[in-house]
């Protein structure tokens, strides 16, 4: 069952989804100009970022004081590598918004000690006072960030061996590769749950089973996104094609 904490918005199409998600981010930055955001990379949030860039260009939003914590990264990649989460965020958000490097906080996934990178981002989030708003996608297997099925919900940032589903789907970001890297770095579910506000955005019929599990199945690490039903301020924004017609199932 959908919990009382969950606000569900089903919209007609991807453009409506992107606009609505951007409105949530803009509302947050207007309330708190130095807010700390954690925004997922990938196809689904790309439209939202386009709206955010346009809003700042029109002086309808100002992200000059905001901080951004990166959700995840493929091990072995950085912002110079096409296909990396950082490359996506710099290209689609940070550079167009002219965000200073001092306001961007992520993993060095090429570091010799990636475990230390996780410890450092844990410290950084605490120093920033936590995440004010996170906007997440949902994987076809129900993952959030790189928190795969079976994840320990109490973990903070950690190194993860990625499921074949994730690496296969992620191959679209890497030219001429059948799979993405097999390891990732990710913020933990506990840090996502500690964010003041959490939003998941979903688009496309391929996300329908994951959205169904998120909304209607028992909260379980088998669908990591399902834990967000217990978050004190959670919204699910999804397109009609990704929303399961529960009454008909």
C-alpha atoms as a PDB file:
ATOM      1  CA  UNK A   1       0.000   0.000   0.000  1.00  0.00           C
ATOM      2  CA  UNK A   2       1.042   3.601  -0.598  1.00  0.00           C
ATOM      3  CA  UNK A   3       1.980   5.137   2.745  1.00  0.00           C
ATOM      4  CA  UNK A   4       0.686   8.450   4.045  1.00  0.00           C
ATOM      5  CA  UNK A   5       4.205   9.843   3.651  1.00  0.00           C
ATOM      6  CA  UNK A   6       4.196   9.290  -0.120  1.00  0.00           C
ATOM      7  CA  UNK A   7       2.995  12.040  -2.448  1.00  0.00           C
ATOM      8  CA  UNK A   8       2.270  10.565  -5.878  1.00  0.00           C
ATOM      9  CA  UNK A   9       2.081  12.637  -9.053  1.00  0.00           C
ATOM     10  CA  UNK A  10       1.348  10.918 -12.375  1.00  0.00           C
ATOM     11  CA  UNK A  11       1.861  13.175 -15.401  1.00  0.00           C
ATOM     12  CA  UNK A  12       1.178  12.755 -19.085  1.00  0.00           C
ATOM     13  CA  UNK A  13       4.684  12.645 -20.531  1.00  0.00           C
ATOM     14  CA  UNK A  14       8.400  13.175 -20.066  1.00  0.00           C
ATOM     15  CA  UNK A  15       8.303  16.942 -20.592  1.00  0.00           C
ATOM     16  CA  UNK A  16       5.669  17.356 -17.905  1.00  0.00           C
ATOM     17  CA  UNK A  17       7.737  15.148 -15.593  1.00  0.00           C
ATOM     18  CA  UNK A  18      10.888  17.177 -16.217  1.00  0.00           C
ATOM     19  CA  UNK A  19       9.093  20.464 -15.619  1.00  0.00           C
ATOM     20  CA  UNK A  20       7.498  19.259 -12.385  1.00  0.00           C
ATOM     21  CA  UNK A  21      10.785  17.880 -11.038  1.00  0.00           C
ATOM     22  CA  UNK A  22      12.569  21.129 -11.887  1.00  0.00           C
ATOM     23  CA  UNK A  23       9.873  23.067 -10.056  1.00  0.00           C
ATOM     24  CA  UNK A  24      10.645  21.107  -6.881  1.00  0.00           C
ATOM     25  CA  UNK A  25      14.340  21.971  -7.137  1.00  0.00           C
ATOM     26  CA  UNK A  26      13.597  25.627  -7.864  1.00  0.00           C
ATOM     27  CA  UNK A  27      11.207  25.798  -4.913  1.00  0.00           C
ATOM     28  CA  UNK A  28      13.974  24.475  -2.656  1.00  0.00           C
ATOM     29  CA  UNK A  29      16.646  26.915  -3.854  1.00  0.00           C
ATOM     30  CA  UNK A  30      14.262  29.836  -3.426  1.00  0.00           C
ATOM     31  CA  UNK A  31      13.558  28.748   0.141  1.00  0.00           C
ATOM     32  CA  UNK A  32      17.243  28.182   0.890  1.00  0.00           C
ATOM     33  CA  UNK A  33      19.735  29.665  -1.600  1.00  0.00           C
ATOM     34  CA  UNK A  34      22.658  27.701  -0.100  1.00  0.00           C
ATOM     35  CA  UNK A  35      20.762  24.411  -0.135  1.00  0.00           C
ATOM     36  CA  UNK A  36      22.611  21.133  -0.573  1.00  0.00           C
ATOM     37  CA  UNK A  37      21.281  19.079  -3.482  1.00  0.00           C
ATOM     38  CA  UNK A  38      21.922  15.506  -4.532  1.00  0.00           C
ATOM     39  CA  UNK A  39      20.730  15.019  -8.112  1.00  0.00           C
ATOM     40  CA  UNK A  40      21.058  11.764 -10.020  1.00  0.00           C
ATOM     41  CA  UNK A  41      22.704  11.589 -13.431  1.00  0.00           C
ATOM     42  CA  UNK A  42      21.129   9.756 -16.359  1.00  0.00           C
ATOM     43  CA  UNK A  43      18.486   9.965 -19.049  1.00  0.00           C
ATOM     44  CA  UNK A  44      15.523  10.556 -16.748  1.00  0.00           C
ATOM     45  CA  UNK A  45      16.802  13.690 -14.957  1.00  0.00           C
ATOM     46  CA  UNK A  46      18.323  15.194 -18.122  1.00  0.00           C
ATOM     47  CA  UNK A  47      15.141  17.067 -19.013  1.00  0.00           C
ATOM     48  CA  UNK A  48      14.837  18.408 -15.468  1.00  0.00           C
ATOM     49  CA  UNK A  49      18.342  19.816 -15.724  1.00  0.00           C
ATOM     50  CA  UNK A  50      17.491  21.535 -18.981  1.00  0.00           C
ATOM     51  CA  UNK A  51      14.623  23.303 -17.217  1.00  0.00           C
ATOM     52  CA  UNK A  52      16.917  24.295 -14.318  1.00  0.00           C
ATOM     53  CA  UNK A  53      19.492  25.823 -16.658  1.00  0.00           C
ATOM     54  CA  UNK A  54      16.770  27.719 -18.489  1.00  0.00           C
ATOM     55  CA  UNK A  55      15.296  28.961 -15.202  1.00  0.00           C
ATOM     56  CA  UNK A  56      18.623  30.438 -14.127  1.00  0.00           C
ATOM     57  CA  UNK A  57      19.139  31.989 -17.558  1.00  0.00           C
ATOM     58  CA  UNK A  58      15.785  33.738 -17.132  1.00  0.00           C
ATOM     59  CA  UNK A  59      16.699  34.853 -13.599  1.00  0.00           C
ATOM     60  CA  UNK A  60      13.922  32.648 -12.188  1.00  0.00           C
ATOM     61  CA  UNK A  61      16.388  30.682 -10.055  1.00  0.00           C
ATOM     62  CA  UNK A  62      19.891  31.256  -8.703  1.00  0.00           C
ATOM     63  CA  UNK A  63      22.146  28.323  -7.840  1.00  0.00           C
ATOM     64  CA  UNK A  64      25.272  30.403  -7.221  1.00  0.00           C
ATOM     65  CA  UNK A  65      25.259  29.606  -3.485  1.00  0.00           C
ATOM     66  CA  UNK A  66      24.078  25.996  -3.733  1.00  0.00           C
ATOM     67  CA  UNK A  67      26.108  22.886  -3.005  1.00  0.00           C
ATOM     68  CA  UNK A  68      25.846  19.633  -4.920  1.00  0.00           C
ATOM     69  CA  UNK A  69      26.748  16.201  -3.571  1.00  0.00           C
ATOM     70  CA  UNK A  70      27.207  13.569  -6.263  1.00  0.00           C
ATOM     71  CA  UNK A  71      25.093  10.472  -5.783  1.00  0.00           C
ATOM     72  CA  UNK A  72      27.301   7.856  -7.414  1.00  0.00           C
ATOM     73  CA  UNK A  73      30.079   7.099  -9.875  1.00  0.00           C
ATOM     74  CA  UNK A  74      31.487   4.185 -11.847  1.00  0.00           C
ATOM     75  CA  UNK A  75      34.797   3.023 -10.372  1.00  0.00           C
ATOM     76  CA  UNK A  76      37.704   4.062 -12.597  1.00  0.00           C
ATOM     77  CA  UNK A  77      36.009   7.054 -14.221  1.00  0.00           C
ATOM     78  CA  UNK A  78      36.009  10.818 -13.666  1.00  0.00           C
ATOM     79  CA  UNK A  79      34.518  13.914 -15.290  1.00  0.00           C
ATOM     80  CA  UNK A  80      36.855  13.611 -18.272  1.00  0.00           C
ATOM     81  CA  UNK A  81      35.396  10.215 -19.170  1.00  0.00           C
ATOM     82  CA  UNK A  82      32.321  10.297 -21.371  1.00  0.00           C
ATOM     83  CA  UNK A  83      29.751   8.027 -19.764  1.00  0.00           C
ATOM     84  CA  UNK A  84      30.713   8.889 -16.208  1.00  0.00           C
ATOM     85  CA  UNK A  85      28.142  10.401 -13.863  1.00  0.00           C
ATOM     86  CA  UNK A  86      30.402  13.390 -13.340  1.00  0.00           C
ATOM     87  CA  UNK A  87      30.771  13.998 -17.065  1.00  0.00           C
ATOM     88  CA  UNK A  88      26.993  13.977 -17.395  1.00  0.00           C
ATOM     89  CA  UNK A  89      26.466  16.386 -14.492  1.00  0.00           C
ATOM     90  CA  UNK A  90      29.195  18.790 -15.551  1.00  0.00           C
ATOM     91  CA  UNK A  91      27.928  18.834 -19.135  1.00  0.00           C
ATOM     92  CA  UNK A  92      24.233  19.158 -18.384  1.00  0.00           C
ATOM     93  CA  UNK A  93      24.181  21.090 -15.120  1.00  0.00           C
ATOM     94  CA  UNK A  94      27.327  22.362 -13.418  1.00  0.00           C
ATOM     95  CA  UNK A  95      28.996  24.055 -16.389  1.00  0.00           C
ATOM     96  CA  UNK A  96      25.792  25.647 -17.773  1.00  0.00           C
ATOM     97  CA  UNK A  97      24.931  26.904 -14.263  1.00  0.00           C
ATOM     98  CA  UNK A  98      28.558  28.003 -13.701  1.00  0.00           C
ATOM     99  CA  UNK A  99      28.793  26.157 -10.392  1.00  0.00           C
ATOM    100  CA  UNK A 100      32.142  26.662  -8.653  1.00  0.00           C
ATOM    101  CA  UNK A 101      34.288  23.585  -8.033  1.00  0.00           C
ATOM    102  CA  UNK A 102      34.195  24.362  -4.301  1.00  0.00           C
ATOM    103  CA  UNK A 103      30.435  23.753  -4.378  1.00  0.00           C
ATOM    104  CA  UNK A 104      30.656  20.324  -6.046  1.00  0.00           C
ATOM    105  CA  UNK A 105      31.346  17.334  -3.799  1.00  0.00           C
ATOM    106  CA  UNK A 106      31.853  13.901  -5.274  1.00  0.00           C
ATOM    107  CA  UNK A 107      33.933  10.742  -5.349  1.00  0.00           C
ATOM    108  CA  UNK A 108      37.349  10.444  -6.941  1.00  0.00           C
ATOM    109  CA  UNK A 109      36.554   7.090  -8.486  1.00  0.00           C
ATOM    110  CA  UNK A 110      40.099   6.849  -9.873  1.00  0.00           C
ATOM    111  CA  UNK A 111      41.665   7.101  -6.421  1.00  0.00           C
ATOM    112  CA  UNK A 112      43.936   4.320  -5.196  1.00  0.00           C
ATOM    113  CA  UNK A 113      41.820   4.057  -2.035  1.00  0.00           C
ATOM    114  CA  UNK A 114      38.144   4.252  -2.998  1.00  0.00           C
ATOM    115  CA  UNK A 115      37.112   3.236   0.521  1.00  0.00           C
ATOM    116  CA  UNK A 116      38.760   6.440   1.771  1.00  0.00           C
ATOM    117  CA  UNK A 117      36.777   8.361  -0.848  1.00  0.00           C
ATOM    118  CA  UNK A 118      33.616   6.995   0.722  1.00  0.00           C
ATOM    119  CA  UNK A 119      34.743   8.061   4.175  1.00  0.00           C
ATOM    120  CA  UNK A 120      35.547  11.540   2.901  1.00  0.00           C
ATOM    121  CA  UNK A 121      32.135  12.065   1.285  1.00  0.00           C
ATOM    122  CA  UNK A 122      30.493  10.884   4.507  1.00  0.00           C
ATOM    123  CA  UNK A 123      32.399  13.598   6.377  1.00  0.00           C
ATOM    124  CA  UNK A 124      31.590  16.209   3.737  1.00  0.00           C
ATOM    125  CA  UNK A 125      27.860  15.577   3.938  1.00  0.00           C
ATOM    126  CA  UNK A 126      27.960  16.005   7.705  1.00  0.00           C
ATOM    127  CA  UNK A 127      29.973  19.222   7.363  1.00  0.00           C
ATOM    128  CA  UNK A 128      27.401  20.584   4.910  1.00  0.00           C
ATOM    129  CA  UNK A 129      24.631  19.883   7.411  1.00  0.00           C
ATOM    130  CA  UNK A 130      23.092  17.089   5.348  1.00  0.00           C
ATOM    131  CA  UNK A 131      21.219  16.991   2.058  1.00  0.00           C
ATOM    132  CA  UNK A 132      18.221  19.293   1.696  1.00  0.00           C
ATOM    133  CA  UNK A 133      16.757  17.734  -1.447  1.00  0.00           C
ATOM    134  CA  UNK A 134      17.642  14.646  -3.433  1.00  0.00           C
ATOM    135  CA  UNK A 135      16.128  13.837  -6.826  1.00  0.00           C
ATOM    136  CA  UNK A 136      16.689  10.208  -7.791  1.00  0.00           C
ATOM    137  CA  UNK A 137      15.933   7.926 -10.663  1.00  0.00           C
ATOM    138  CA  UNK A 138      14.886   4.322 -10.141  1.00  0.00           C
ATOM    139  CA  UNK A 139      16.616   1.394 -11.812  1.00  0.00           C
ATOM    140  CA  UNK A 140      14.711  -1.349 -13.585  1.00  0.00           C
ATOM    141  CA  UNK A 141      15.757  -3.576 -10.658  1.00  0.00           C
ATOM    142  CA  UNK A 142      14.563  -1.000  -8.115  1.00  0.00           C
ATOM    143  CA  UNK A 143      17.963   0.420  -7.265  1.00  0.00           C
ATOM    144  CA  UNK A 144      18.531   4.014  -6.158  1.00  0.00           C
ATOM    145  CA  UNK A 145      21.967   5.383  -6.846  1.00  0.00           C
ATOM    146  CA  UNK A 146      24.078   2.248  -7.025  1.00  0.00           C
ATOM    147  CA  UNK A 147      22.287   0.708  -4.050  1.00  0.00           C
ATOM    148  CA  UNK A 148      21.463  -2.645  -5.586  1.00  0.00           C
ATOM    149  CA  UNK A 149      18.885  -5.240  -4.422  1.00  0.00           C
ATOM    150  CA  UNK A 150      19.950  -6.765  -1.118  1.00  0.00           C
ATOM    151  CA  UNK A 151      21.720  -3.609   0.069  1.00  0.00           C
ATOM    152  CA  UNK A 152      22.042  -2.925   3.782  1.00  0.00           C
ATOM    153  CA  UNK A 153      19.766   0.063   4.411  1.00  0.00           C
ATOM    154  CA  UNK A 154      22.016   1.287   7.255  1.00  0.00           C
ATOM    155  CA  UNK A 155      25.074   1.826   5.043  1.00  0.00           C
ATOM    156  CA  UNK A 156      26.554   5.209   4.266  1.00  0.00           C
ATOM    157  CA  UNK A 157      28.719   5.716   1.156  1.00  0.00           C
ATOM    158  CA  UNK A 158      30.272   2.473  -0.018  1.00  0.00           C
ATOM    159  CA  UNK A 159      31.820   0.508  -2.856  1.00  0.00           C
ATOM    160  CA  UNK A 160      29.455  -1.881  -4.596  1.00  0.00           C
ATOM    161  CA  UNK A 161      29.763  -4.696  -7.119  1.00  0.00           C
ATOM    162  CA  UNK A 162      27.042  -3.888  -9.635  1.00  0.00           C
ATOM    163  CA  UNK A 163      24.436  -6.336 -10.880  1.00  0.00           C
ATOM    164  CA  UNK A 164      24.533  -7.435 -14.512  1.00  0.00           C
ATOM    165  CA  UNK A 165      21.215  -5.657 -15.033  1.00  0.00           C
ATOM    166  CA  UNK A 166      22.806  -2.351 -14.038  1.00  0.00           C
ATOM    167  CA  UNK A 167      25.947  -2.780 -16.119  1.00  0.00           C
ATOM    168  CA  UNK A 168      23.953  -3.880 -19.170  1.00  0.00           C
ATOM    169  CA  UNK A 169      21.531  -0.960 -18.943  1.00  0.00           C
ATOM    170  CA  UNK A 170      24.446   1.390 -18.237  1.00  0.00           C
ATOM    171  CA  UNK A 171      26.224   0.319 -21.424  1.00  0.00           C
ATOM    172  CA  UNK A 172      24.173   2.907 -23.355  1.00  0.00           C
ATOM    173  CA  UNK A 173      26.361   5.620 -21.809  1.00  0.00           C
ATOM    174  CA  UNK A 174      29.558   4.020 -23.152  1.00  0.00           C
ATOM    175  CA  UNK A 175      30.172   3.885 -26.890  1.00  0.00           C
ATOM    176  CA  UNK A 176      31.015   0.466 -28.328  1.00  0.00           C
ATOM    177  CA  UNK A 177      30.733  -1.354 -24.993  1.00  0.00           C
ATOM    178  CA  UNK A 178      28.277  -4.066 -24.080  1.00  0.00           C
ATOM    179  CA  UNK A 179      28.588  -3.374 -20.358  1.00  0.00           C
ATOM    180  CA  UNK A 180      29.484  -0.519 -18.047  1.00  0.00           C
ATOM    181  CA  UNK A 181      32.160  -0.906 -15.327  1.00  0.00           C
ATOM    182  CA  UNK A 182      31.350  -3.623 -12.815  1.00  0.00           C
ATOM    183  CA  UNK A 183      31.964  -1.571  -9.666  1.00  0.00           C
ATOM    184  CA  UNK A 184      30.514   1.684  -8.428  1.00  0.00           C
ATOM    185  CA  UNK A 185      30.692   4.143  -5.566  1.00  0.00           C
ATOM    186  CA  UNK A 186      27.426   5.353  -4.119  1.00  0.00           C
ATOM    187  CA  UNK A 187      25.900   7.265  -1.267  1.00  0.00           C
ATOM    188  CA  UNK A 188      24.167   4.863   1.081  1.00  0.00           C
ATOM    189  CA  UNK A 189      20.452   4.438   1.632  1.00  0.00           C
ATOM    190  CA  UNK A 190      20.830   5.882   5.133  1.00  0.00           C
ATOM    191  CA  UNK A 191      22.113   9.164   3.674  1.00  0.00           C
ATOM    192  CA  UNK A 192      19.279   9.299   1.167  1.00  0.00           C
ATOM    193  CA  UNK A 193      16.785   8.694   3.952  1.00  0.00           C
ATOM    194  CA  UNK A 194      18.337  11.483   6.027  1.00  0.00           C
ATOM    195  CA  UNK A 195      17.730  14.056   3.271  1.00  0.00           C
ATOM    196  CA  UNK A 196      15.083  16.617   4.243  1.00  0.00           C
ATOM    197  CA  UNK A 197      13.149  15.893   1.033  1.00  0.00           C
ATOM    198  CA  UNK A 198      13.401  13.006  -1.414  1.00  0.00           C
ATOM    199  CA  UNK A 199      11.951  12.726  -4.919  1.00  0.00           C
ATOM    200  CA  UNK A 200      12.017   9.808  -7.338  1.00  0.00           C
ATOM    201  CA  UNK A 201      11.300  10.444 -10.999  1.00  0.00           C
ATOM    202  CA  UNK A 202      10.373   7.617 -13.369  1.00  0.00           C
ATOM    203  CA  UNK A 203       9.617   7.580 -17.083  1.00  0.00           C
ATOM    204  CA  UNK A 204       9.053   4.777 -19.575  1.00  0.00           C
ATOM    205  CA  UNK A 205       7.214   1.473 -19.610  1.00  0.00           C
ATOM    206  CA  UNK A 206      10.424  -0.390 -18.705  1.00  0.00           C
ATOM    207  CA  UNK A 207      10.266   1.254 -15.247  1.00  0.00           C
ATOM    208  CA  UNK A 208       6.706   0.077 -14.557  1.00  0.00           C
ATOM    209  CA  UNK A 209       7.642  -3.111 -12.639  1.00  0.00           C
ATOM    210  CA  UNK A 210      10.062  -1.167 -10.419  1.00  0.00           C
ATOM    211  CA  UNK A 211       7.464   1.536  -9.764  1.00  0.00           C
ATOM    212  CA  UNK A 212       4.933  -1.161  -8.900  1.00  0.00           C
ATOM    213  CA  UNK A 213       7.354  -2.708  -6.396  1.00  0.00           C
ATOM    214  CA  UNK A 214       8.119   0.701  -4.946  1.00  0.00           C
ATOM    215  CA  UNK A 215       4.463   1.550  -4.413  1.00  0.00           C
ATOM    216  CA  UNK A 216       2.716  -1.705  -3.627  1.00  0.00           C
ATOM    217  CA  UNK A 217       5.068  -4.487  -2.553  1.00  0.00           C
ATOM    218  CA  UNK A 218       6.454  -4.954   0.932  1.00  0.00           C
ATOM    219  CA  UNK A 219       9.248  -2.555   1.866  1.00  0.00           C
ATOM    220  CA  UNK A 220      12.336  -4.661   1.263  1.00  0.00           C
ATOM    221  CA  UNK A 221      15.952  -4.375   0.189  1.00  0.00           C
ATOM    222  CA  UNK A 222      14.958  -6.459  -2.842  1.00  0.00           C
ATOM    223  CA  UNK A 223      13.540  -3.183  -4.143  1.00  0.00           C
ATOM    224  CA  UNK A 224      15.816  -0.614  -2.495  1.00  0.00           C
ATOM    225  CA  UNK A 225      13.602   2.273  -3.628  1.00  0.00           C
ATOM    226  CA  UNK A 226      10.717   0.892  -1.554  1.00  0.00           C
ATOM    227  CA  UNK A 227      12.298   2.196   1.665  1.00  0.00           C
ATOM    228  CA  UNK A 228      11.442   5.710   0.533  1.00  0.00           C
ATOM    229  CA  UNK A 229       7.797   4.973   1.328  1.00  0.00           C
ATOM    230  CA  UNK A 230       8.869   5.413   4.950  1.00  0.00           C
ATOM    231  CA  UNK A 231      10.620   8.743   4.321  1.00  0.00           C
ATOM    232  CA  UNK A 232       8.981  11.684   6.097  1.00  0.00           C
ATOM    233  CA  UNK A 233       8.868  13.863   2.940  1.00  0.00           C
ATOM    234  CA  UNK A 234       8.840  11.714  -0.207  1.00  0.00           C
ATOM    235  CA  UNK A 235       7.383  12.340  -3.654  1.00  0.00           C
ATOM    236  CA  UNK A 236       7.132   9.972  -6.586  1.00  0.00           C
ATOM    237  CA  UNK A 237       6.788  11.737  -9.927  1.00  0.00           C
ATOM    238  CA  UNK A 238       6.136   9.401 -12.835  1.00  0.00           C
ATOM    239  CA  UNK A 239       4.782   9.415 -16.354  1.00  0.00           C
ATOM    240  CA  UNK A 240       1.607   7.585 -17.287  1.00  0.00           C
ATOM    241  CA  UNK A 241       3.550   4.915 -19.159  1.00  0.00           C
ATOM    242  CA  UNK A 242       5.654   4.106 -16.097  1.00  0.00           C
ATOM    243  CA  UNK A 243       2.758   4.034 -13.639  1.00  0.00           C
ATOM    244  CA  UNK A 244       1.240   0.580 -13.022  1.00  0.00           C
ATOM    245  CA  UNK A 245      -2.536   0.424 -13.215  1.00  0.00           C
ATOM    246  CA  UNK A 246      -2.779  -1.213  -9.829  1.00  0.00           C
ATOM    247  CA  UNK A 247      -6.551  -1.815  -9.981  1.00  0.00           C
ATOM    248  CA  UNK A 248      -6.112  -3.816 -13.168  1.00  0.00           C
ATOM    249  CA  UNK A 249      -3.248  -5.975 -11.892  1.00  0.00           C
END
